[in-house]
Amino acid sequence: MKTGIVTGSVWATRKADCLHRQTFLTVDMDDGKIVASDQVGAGVGDRVLVVFGKTAARYCMEAPVDAVIVAILDANKGE
């Protein structure tokens, strides 16, 4: 798991059937920018928790995704 900040969204006029109900957001992370499937209704400026790999695939069932937003963070402990 890693944290990041949502910076925008990705739109596709055509996509595979298994991706039709997926919303994709761009997330800035310490090691670069990624595109992740949003499962919690995050928006631009939200600090989010992102999971990767097999854990991410479990959230999206049949969809071939490898990064999923699973939480919107209110604050890090100590902030």
PDB file of N, CA and C in Angstrom:
ATOM      1  N   MET A   1       0.837  -1.178   0.000  1.00  0.00           N
ATOM      2  CA  MET A   1       0.000   0.000   0.000  1.00  0.00           C
ATOM      3  C   MET A   1       0.880   1.239   0.000  1.00  0.00           C
ATOM      4  N   LYS A   2       0.384   2.263  -0.686  1.00  0.00           N
ATOM      5  CA  LYS A   2       1.083   3.538  -0.716  1.00  0.00           C
ATOM      6  C   LYS A   2       0.051   4.655  -0.661  1.00  0.00           C
ATOM      7  N   THR A   3       0.497   5.834  -0.245  1.00  0.00           N
ATOM      8  CA  THR A   3      -0.393   6.989  -0.244  1.00  0.00           C
ATOM      9  C   THR A   3      -0.030   7.915  -1.391  1.00  0.00           C
ATOM     10  N   GLY A   4      -1.013   8.709  -1.810  1.00  0.00           N
ATOM     11  CA  GLY A   4      -0.788   9.668  -2.871  1.00  0.00           C
ATOM     12  C   GLY A   4      -1.883  10.716  -2.870  1.00  0.00           C
ATOM     13  N   ILE A   5      -1.778  11.673  -3.779  1.00  0.00           N
ATOM     14  CA  ILE A   5      -2.753  12.748  -3.918  1.00  0.00           C
ATOM     15  C   ILE A   5      -3.397  12.646  -5.299  1.00  0.00           C
ATOM     16  N   VAL A   6      -4.732  12.649  -5.341  1.00  0.00           N
ATOM     17  CA  VAL A   6      -5.453  12.605  -6.616  1.00  0.00           C
ATOM     18  C   VAL A   6      -5.267  13.944  -7.327  1.00  0.00           C
ATOM     19  N   THR A   7      -4.842  13.871  -8.591  1.00  0.00           N
ATOM     20  CA  THR A   7      -4.584  15.095  -9.357  1.00  0.00           C
ATOM     21  C   THR A   7      -5.510  15.270 -10.551  1.00  0.00           C
ATOM     22  N   GLY A   8      -6.258  14.261 -10.904  1.00  0.00           N
ATOM     23  CA  GLY A   8      -7.148  14.383 -12.054  1.00  0.00           C
ATOM     24  C   GLY A   8      -7.808  13.064 -12.381  1.00  0.00           C
ATOM     25  N   SER A   9      -8.501  13.045 -13.517  1.00  0.00           N
ATOM     26  CA  SER A   9      -9.181  11.828 -13.945  1.00  0.00           C
ATOM     27  C   SER A   9      -8.761  11.471 -15.360  1.00  0.00           C
ATOM     28  N   VAL A  10      -9.042  10.234 -15.729  1.00  0.00           N
ATOM     29  CA  VAL A  10      -8.725   9.732 -17.058  1.00  0.00           C
ATOM     30  C   VAL A  10     -10.034   9.314 -17.711  1.00  0.00           C
ATOM     31  N   TRP A  11     -10.276   9.809 -18.920  1.00  0.00           N
ATOM     32  CA  TRP A  11     -11.502   9.493 -19.645  1.00  0.00           C
ATOM     33  C   TRP A  11     -11.163   8.658 -20.864  1.00  0.00           C
ATOM     34  N   ALA A  12     -12.033   7.690 -21.159  1.00  0.00           N
ATOM     35  CA  ALA A  12     -11.862   6.857 -22.350  1.00  0.00           C
ATOM     36  C   ALA A  12     -13.201   6.766 -23.076  1.00  0.00           C
ATOM     37  N   THR A  13     -13.211   7.062 -24.361  1.00  0.00           N
ATOM     38  CA  THR A  13     -14.453   6.963 -25.118  1.00  0.00           C
ATOM     39  C   THR A  13     -14.806   5.511 -25.413  1.00  0.00           C
ATOM     40  N   ARG A  14     -13.800   4.668 -25.458  1.00  0.00           N
ATOM     41  CA  ARG A  14     -14.026   3.232 -25.648  1.00  0.00           C
ATOM     42  C   ARG A  14     -13.116   2.482 -24.689  1.00  0.00           C
ATOM     43  N   LYS A  15     -13.672   1.430 -24.092  1.00  0.00           N
ATOM     44  CA  LYS A  15     -12.851   0.585 -23.219  1.00  0.00           C
ATOM     45  C   LYS A  15     -13.417  -0.820 -23.190  1.00  0.00           C
ATOM     46  N   ALA A  16     -12.617  -1.758 -22.733  1.00  0.00           N
ATOM     47  CA  ALA A  16     -13.029  -3.161 -22.654  1.00  0.00           C
ATOM     48  C   ALA A  16     -14.280  -3.293 -21.791  1.00  0.00           C
ATOM     49  N   ASP A  17     -15.124  -4.260 -22.119  1.00  0.00           N
ATOM     50  CA  ASP A  17     -16.380  -4.474 -21.386  1.00  0.00           C
ATOM     51  C   ASP A  17     -16.160  -4.589 -19.881  1.00  0.00           C
ATOM     52  N   CYS A  18     -15.092  -5.244 -19.469  1.00  0.00           N
ATOM     53  CA  CYS A  18     -14.844  -5.458 -18.041  1.00  0.00           C
ATOM     54  C   CYS A  18     -14.459  -4.164 -17.312  1.00  0.00           C
ATOM     55  N   LEU A  19     -14.240  -3.077 -18.053  1.00  0.00           N
ATOM     56  CA  LEU A  19     -13.857  -1.801 -17.440  1.00  0.00           C
ATOM     57  C   LEU A  19     -14.991  -0.767 -17.437  1.00  0.00           C
ATOM     58  N   HIS A  20     -16.184  -1.139 -17.928  1.00  0.00           N
ATOM     59  CA  HIS A  20     -17.266  -0.162 -18.096  1.00  0.00           C
ATOM     60  C   HIS A  20     -17.680   0.546 -16.819  1.00  0.00           C
ATOM     61  N   ARG A  21     -17.682  -0.079 -15.690  1.00  0.00           N
ATOM     62  CA  ARG A  21     -18.106   0.576 -14.456  1.00  0.00           C
ATOM     63  C   ARG A  21     -16.930   1.100 -13.630  1.00  0.00           C
ATOM     64  N   GLN A  22     -15.767   1.161 -14.234  1.00  0.00           N
ATOM     65  CA  GLN A  22     -14.577   1.615 -13.529  1.00  0.00           C
ATOM     66  C   GLN A  22     -14.330   3.101 -13.780  1.00  0.00           C
ATOM     67  N   THR A  23     -13.992   3.834 -12.723  1.00  0.00           N
ATOM     68  CA  THR A  23     -13.565   5.223 -12.824  1.00  0.00           C
ATOM     69  C   THR A  23     -12.067   5.247 -12.564  1.00  0.00           C
ATOM     70  N   PHE A  24     -11.328   5.969 -13.391  1.00  0.00           N
ATOM     71  CA  PHE A  24      -9.877   6.019 -13.260  1.00  0.00           C
ATOM     72  C   PHE A  24      -9.414   7.427 -12.913  1.00  0.00           C
ATOM     73  N   LEU A  25      -8.525   7.515 -11.936  1.00  0.00           N
ATOM     74  CA  LEU A  25      -7.982   8.785 -11.481  1.00  0.00           C
ATOM     75  C   LEU A  25      -6.461   8.766 -11.573  1.00  0.00           C
ATOM     76  N   THR A  26      -5.870   9.936 -11.806  1.00  0.00           N
ATOM     77  CA  THR A  26      -4.413  10.042 -11.750  1.00  0.00           C
ATOM     78  C   THR A  26      -4.031  10.372 -10.309  1.00  0.00           C
ATOM     79  N   VAL A  27      -2.984   9.735  -9.835  1.00  0.00           N
ATOM     80  CA  VAL A  27      -2.535   9.895  -8.454  1.00  0.00           C
ATOM     81  C   VAL A  27      -1.042  10.194  -8.462  1.00  0.00           C
ATOM     82  N   ASP A  28      -0.648  11.304  -7.838  1.00  0.00           N
ATOM     83  CA  ASP A  28       0.768  11.623  -7.663  1.00  0.00           C
ATOM     84  C   ASP A  28       1.269  10.898  -6.428  1.00  0.00           C
ATOM     85  N   MET A  29       2.357  10.144  -6.612  1.00  0.00           N
ATOM     86  CA  MET A  29       2.971   9.402  -5.514  1.00  0.00           C
ATOM     87  C   MET A  29       4.432   9.821  -5.428  1.00  0.00           C
ATOM     88  N   ASP A  30       5.102   9.419  -4.373  1.00  0.00           N
ATOM     89  CA  ASP A  30       6.512   9.783  -4.197  1.00  0.00           C
ATOM     90  C   ASP A  30       7.381   9.371  -5.376  1.00  0.00           C
ATOM     91  N   ASP A  31       7.034   8.239  -6.006  1.00  0.00           N
ATOM     92  CA  ASP A  31       7.870   7.726  -7.087  1.00  0.00           C
ATOM     93  C   ASP A  31       7.266   7.960  -8.470  1.00  0.00           C
ATOM     94  N   GLY A  32       6.357   8.924  -8.601  1.00  0.00           N
ATOM     95  CA  GLY A  32       5.810   9.260  -9.911  1.00  0.00           C
ATOM     96  C   GLY A  32       4.293   9.319  -9.914  1.00  0.00           C
ATOM     97  N   LYS A  33       3.736   9.427 -11.102  1.00  0.00           N
ATOM     98  CA  LYS A  33       2.287   9.515 -11.279  1.00  0.00           C
ATOM     99  C   LYS A  33       1.761   8.181 -11.792  1.00  0.00           C
ATOM    100  N   ILE A  34       0.605   7.751 -11.279  1.00  0.00           N
ATOM    101  CA  ILE A  34      -0.017   6.514 -11.735  1.00  0.00           C
ATOM    102  C   ILE A  34      -1.476   6.779 -12.082  1.00  0.00           C
ATOM    103  N   VAL A  35      -2.092   5.813 -12.740  1.00  0.00           N
ATOM    104  CA  VAL A  35      -3.536   5.798 -12.955  1.00  0.00           C
ATOM    105  C   VAL A  35      -4.076   4.642 -12.129  1.00  0.00           C
ATOM    106  N   ALA A  36      -5.114   4.921 -11.323  1.00  0.00           N
ATOM    107  CA  ALA A  36      -5.677   3.891 -10.443  1.00  0.00           C
ATOM    108  C   ALA A  36      -7.190   3.862 -10.580  1.00  0.00           C
ATOM    109  N   SER A  37      -7.765   2.689 -10.435  1.00  0.00           N
ATOM    110  CA  SER A  37      -9.215   2.538 -10.401  1.00  0.00           C
ATOM    111  C   SER A  37      -9.717   3.060  -9.058  1.00  0.00           C
ATOM    112  N   ASP A  38     -10.752   3.887  -9.091  1.00  0.00           N
ATOM    113  CA  ASP A  38     -11.293   4.471  -7.857  1.00  0.00           C
ATOM    114  C   ASP A  38     -12.480   3.654  -7.365  1.00  0.00           C
ATOM    115  N   GLN A  39     -12.385   3.116  -6.160  1.00  0.00           N
ATOM    116  CA  GLN A  39     -13.462   2.315  -5.582  1.00  0.00           C
ATOM    117  C   GLN A  39     -14.168   3.022  -4.431  1.00  0.00           C
ATOM    118  N   VAL A  40     -13.788   4.276  -4.125  1.00  0.00           N
ATOM    119  CA  VAL A  40     -14.345   4.951  -2.946  1.00  0.00           C
ATOM    120  C   VAL A  40     -14.892   6.347  -3.222  1.00  0.00           C
ATOM    121  N   GLY A  41     -14.896   6.794  -4.458  1.00  0.00           N
ATOM    122  CA  GLY A  41     -15.423   8.114  -4.781  1.00  0.00           C
ATOM    123  C   GLY A  41     -14.485   9.258  -4.460  1.00  0.00           C
ATOM    124  N   ALA A  42     -13.200   9.044  -4.632  1.00  0.00           N
ATOM    125  CA  ALA A  42     -12.201  10.087  -4.356  1.00  0.00           C
ATOM    126  C   ALA A  42     -12.299  11.200  -5.397  1.00  0.00           C
ATOM    127  N   GLY A  43     -11.768  12.361  -5.033  1.00  0.00           N
ATOM    128  CA  GLY A  43     -11.767  13.499  -5.948  1.00  0.00           C
ATOM    129  C   GLY A  43     -10.422  14.198  -5.947  1.00  0.00           C
ATOM    130  N   VAL A  44     -10.273  15.139  -6.848  1.00  0.00           N
ATOM    131  CA  VAL A  44      -9.028  15.887  -6.962  1.00  0.00           C
ATOM    132  C   VAL A  44      -8.677  16.537  -5.624  1.00  0.00           C
ATOM    133  N   GLY A  45      -7.424  16.385  -5.215  1.00  0.00           N
ATOM    134  CA  GLY A  45      -6.947  16.943  -3.957  1.00  0.00           C
ATOM    135  C   GLY A  45      -7.020  15.985  -2.780  1.00  0.00           C
ATOM    136  N   ASP A  46      -7.770  14.881  -2.928  1.00  0.00           N
ATOM    137  CA  ASP A  46      -7.871  13.906  -1.826  1.00  0.00           C
ATOM    138  C   ASP A  46      -6.568  13.140  -1.661  1.00  0.00           C
ATOM    139  N   ARG A  47      -6.177  12.927  -0.405  1.00  0.00           N
ATOM    140  CA  ARG A  47      -5.052  12.046  -0.085  1.00  0.00           C
ATOM    141  C   ARG A  47      -5.644  10.646   0.013  1.00  0.00           C
ATOM    142  N   VAL A  48      -5.101   9.692  -0.741  1.00  0.00           N
ATOM    143  CA  VAL A  48      -5.702   8.366  -0.852  1.00  0.00           C
ATOM    144  C   VAL A  48      -4.710   7.249  -0.547  1.00  0.00           C
ATOM    145  N   LEU A  49      -5.268   6.089  -0.252  1.00  0.00           N
ATOM    146  CA  LEU A  49      -4.496   4.872  -0.043  1.00  0.00           C
ATOM    147  C   LEU A  49      -4.695   3.997  -1.273  1.00  0.00           C
ATOM    148  N   VAL A  50      -3.591   3.565  -1.875  1.00  0.00           N
ATOM    149  CA  VAL A  50      -3.633   2.781  -3.100  1.00  0.00           C
ATOM    150  C   VAL A  50      -3.005   1.414  -2.852  1.00  0.00           C
ATOM    151  N   VAL A  51      -3.686   0.358  -3.332  1.00  0.00           N
ATOM    152  CA  VAL A  51      -3.123  -0.996  -3.268  1.00  0.00           C
ATOM    153  C   VAL A  51      -2.784  -1.445  -4.685  1.00  0.00           C
ATOM    154  N   PHE A  52      -1.878  -2.401  -4.799  1.00  0.00           N
ATOM    155  CA  PHE A  52      -1.364  -2.827  -6.086  1.00  0.00           C
ATOM    156  C   PHE A  52      -1.425  -4.341  -6.255  1.00  0.00           C
ATOM    157  N   GLY A  53      -1.225  -4.786  -7.489  1.00  0.00           N
ATOM    158  CA  GLY A  53      -1.077  -6.204  -7.798  1.00  0.00           C
ATOM    159  C   GLY A  53      -2.305  -7.042  -7.530  1.00  0.00           C
ATOM    160  N   LYS A  54      -2.104  -8.236  -6.949  1.00  0.00           N
ATOM    161  CA  LYS A  54      -3.201  -9.167  -6.701  1.00  0.00           C
ATOM    162  C   LYS A  54      -4.254  -8.582  -5.776  1.00  0.00           C
ATOM    163  N   THR A  55      -3.829  -7.796  -4.804  1.00  0.00           N
ATOM    164  CA  THR A  55      -4.790  -7.157  -3.893  1.00  0.00           C
ATOM    165  C   THR A  55      -5.684  -6.216  -4.674  1.00  0.00           C
ATOM    166  N   ALA A  56      -5.129  -5.443  -5.581  1.00  0.00           N
ATOM    167  CA  ALA A  56      -5.917  -4.527  -6.406  1.00  0.00           C
ATOM    168  C   ALA A  56      -6.894  -5.297  -7.282  1.00  0.00           C
ATOM    169  N   ALA A  57      -6.455  -6.370  -7.879  1.00  0.00           N
ATOM    170  CA  ALA A  57      -7.304  -7.160  -8.771  1.00  0.00           C
ATOM    171  C   ALA A  57      -8.526  -7.709  -8.040  1.00  0.00           C
ATOM    172  N   ARG A  58      -8.401  -8.014  -6.773  1.00  0.00           N
ATOM    173  CA  ARG A  58      -9.537  -8.530  -5.994  1.00  0.00           C
ATOM    174  C   ARG A  58     -10.671  -7.516  -5.899  1.00  0.00           C
ATOM    175  N   TYR A  59     -10.350  -6.239  -5.862  1.00  0.00           N
ATOM    176  CA  TYR A  59     -11.374  -5.204  -5.758  1.00  0.00           C
ATOM    177  C   TYR A  59     -12.150  -5.021  -7.049  1.00  0.00           C
ATOM    178  N   CYS A  60     -11.556  -5.386  -8.169  1.00  0.00           N
ATOM    179  CA  CYS A  60     -12.164  -5.120  -9.480  1.00  0.00           C
ATOM    180  C   CYS A  60     -12.611  -6.378 -10.200  1.00  0.00           C
ATOM    181  N   MET A  61     -12.613  -7.489  -9.520  1.00  0.00           N
ATOM    182  CA  MET A  61     -13.070  -8.772 -10.054  1.00  0.00           C
ATOM    183  C   MET A  61     -12.457  -9.089 -11.413  1.00  0.00           C
ATOM    184  N   GLU A  62     -13.215  -8.988 -12.475  1.00  0.00           N
ATOM    185  CA  GLU A  62     -12.765  -9.403 -13.801  1.00  0.00           C
ATOM    186  C   GLU A  62     -11.887  -8.371 -14.506  1.00  0.00           C
ATOM    187  N   ALA A  63     -11.838  -7.154 -14.001  1.00  0.00           N
ATOM    188  CA  ALA A  63     -11.105  -6.093 -14.690  1.00  0.00           C
ATOM    189  C   ALA A  63      -9.595  -6.251 -14.499  1.00  0.00           C
ATOM    190  N   PRO A  64      -8.818  -6.046 -15.562  1.00  0.00           N
ATOM    191  CA  PRO A  64      -7.358  -6.194 -15.487  1.00  0.00           C
ATOM    192  C   PRO A  64      -6.691  -4.918 -14.968  1.00  0.00           C
ATOM    193  N   VAL A  65      -6.839  -4.664 -13.676  1.00  0.00           N
ATOM    194  CA  VAL A  65      -6.233  -3.474 -13.083  1.00  0.00           C
ATOM    195  C   VAL A  65      -5.129  -3.885 -12.123  1.00  0.00           C
ATOM    196  N   ASP A  66      -4.143  -3.005 -11.927  1.00  0.00           N
ATOM    197  CA  ASP A  66      -3.067  -3.319 -10.990  1.00  0.00           C
ATOM    198  C   ASP A  66      -2.854  -2.227  -9.947  1.00  0.00           C
ATOM    199  N   ALA A  67      -3.736  -1.200  -9.925  1.00  0.00           N
ATOM    200  CA  ALA A  67      -3.681  -0.161  -8.896  1.00  0.00           C
ATOM    201  C   ALA A  67      -5.113   0.283  -8.582  1.00  0.00           C
ATOM    202  N   VAL A  68      -5.477   0.254  -7.294  1.00  0.00           N
ATOM    203  CA  VAL A  68      -6.846   0.590  -6.886  1.00  0.00           C
ATOM    204  C   VAL A  68      -6.823   1.506  -5.670  1.00  0.00           C
ATOM    205  N   ILE A  69      -7.618   2.573  -5.727  1.00  0.00           N
ATOM    206  CA  ILE A  69      -7.800   3.455  -4.573  1.00  0.00           C
ATOM    207  C   ILE A  69      -8.827   2.801  -3.660  1.00  0.00           C
ATOM    208  N   VAL A  70      -8.430   2.513  -2.406  1.00  0.00           N
ATOM    209  CA  VAL A  70      -9.309   1.808  -1.479  1.00  0.00           C
ATOM    210  C   VAL A  70      -9.717   2.637  -0.268  1.00  0.00           C
ATOM    211  N   ALA A  71      -9.133   3.830  -0.102  1.00  0.00           N
ATOM    212  CA  ALA A  71      -9.487   4.682   1.045  1.00  0.00           C
ATOM    213  C   ALA A  71      -9.120   6.131   0.764  1.00  0.00           C
ATOM    214  N   ILE A  72      -9.928   7.031   1.330  1.00  0.00           N
ATOM    215  CA  ILE A  72      -9.611   8.451   1.341  1.00  0.00           C
ATOM    216  C   ILE A  72      -9.119   8.745   2.755  1.00  0.00           C
ATOM    217  N   LEU A  73      -7.911   9.276   2.869  1.00  0.00           N
ATOM    218  CA  LEU A  73      -7.309   9.492   4.179  1.00  0.00           C
ATOM    219  C   LEU A  73      -7.661  10.869   4.716  1.00  0.00           C
ATOM    220  N   ASP A  74      -8.062  10.920   5.985  1.00  0.00           N
ATOM    221  CA  ASP A  74      -8.367  12.201   6.625  1.00  0.00           C
ATOM    222  C   ASP A  74      -7.070  12.899   7.036  1.00  0.00           C
ATOM    223  N   ALA A  75      -6.135  12.149   7.626  1.00  0.00           N
ATOM    224  CA  ALA A  75      -4.850  12.696   8.055  1.00  0.00           C
ATOM    225  C   ALA A  75      -3.931  11.552   8.429  1.00  0.00           C
ATOM    226  N   ASN A  76      -2.635  11.793   8.327  1.00  0.00           N
ATOM    227  CA  ASN A  76      -1.664  10.815   8.813  1.00  0.00           C
ATOM    228  C   ASN A  76      -1.490  11.031  10.304  1.00  0.00           C
ATOM    229  N   LYS A  77      -1.256   9.982  11.051  1.00  0.00           N
ATOM    230  CA  LYS A  77      -1.017  10.092  12.479  1.00  0.00           C
ATOM    231  C   LYS A  77       0.186  10.998  12.698  1.00  0.00           C
ATOM    232  N   GLY A  78       0.060  11.946  13.588  1.00  0.00           N
ATOM    233  CA  GLY A  78       1.145  12.846  13.878  1.00  0.00           C
ATOM    234  C   GLY A  78       1.061  14.171  13.144  1.00  0.00           C
ATOM    235  N   GLU A  79       0.099  14.288  12.227  1.00  0.00           N
ATOM    236  CA  GLU A  79      -0.036  15.575  11.499  1.00  0.00           C
ATOM    237  C   GLU A  79      -0.880  16.528  12.292  1.00  0.00           C
TER     238      GLU A  79
END
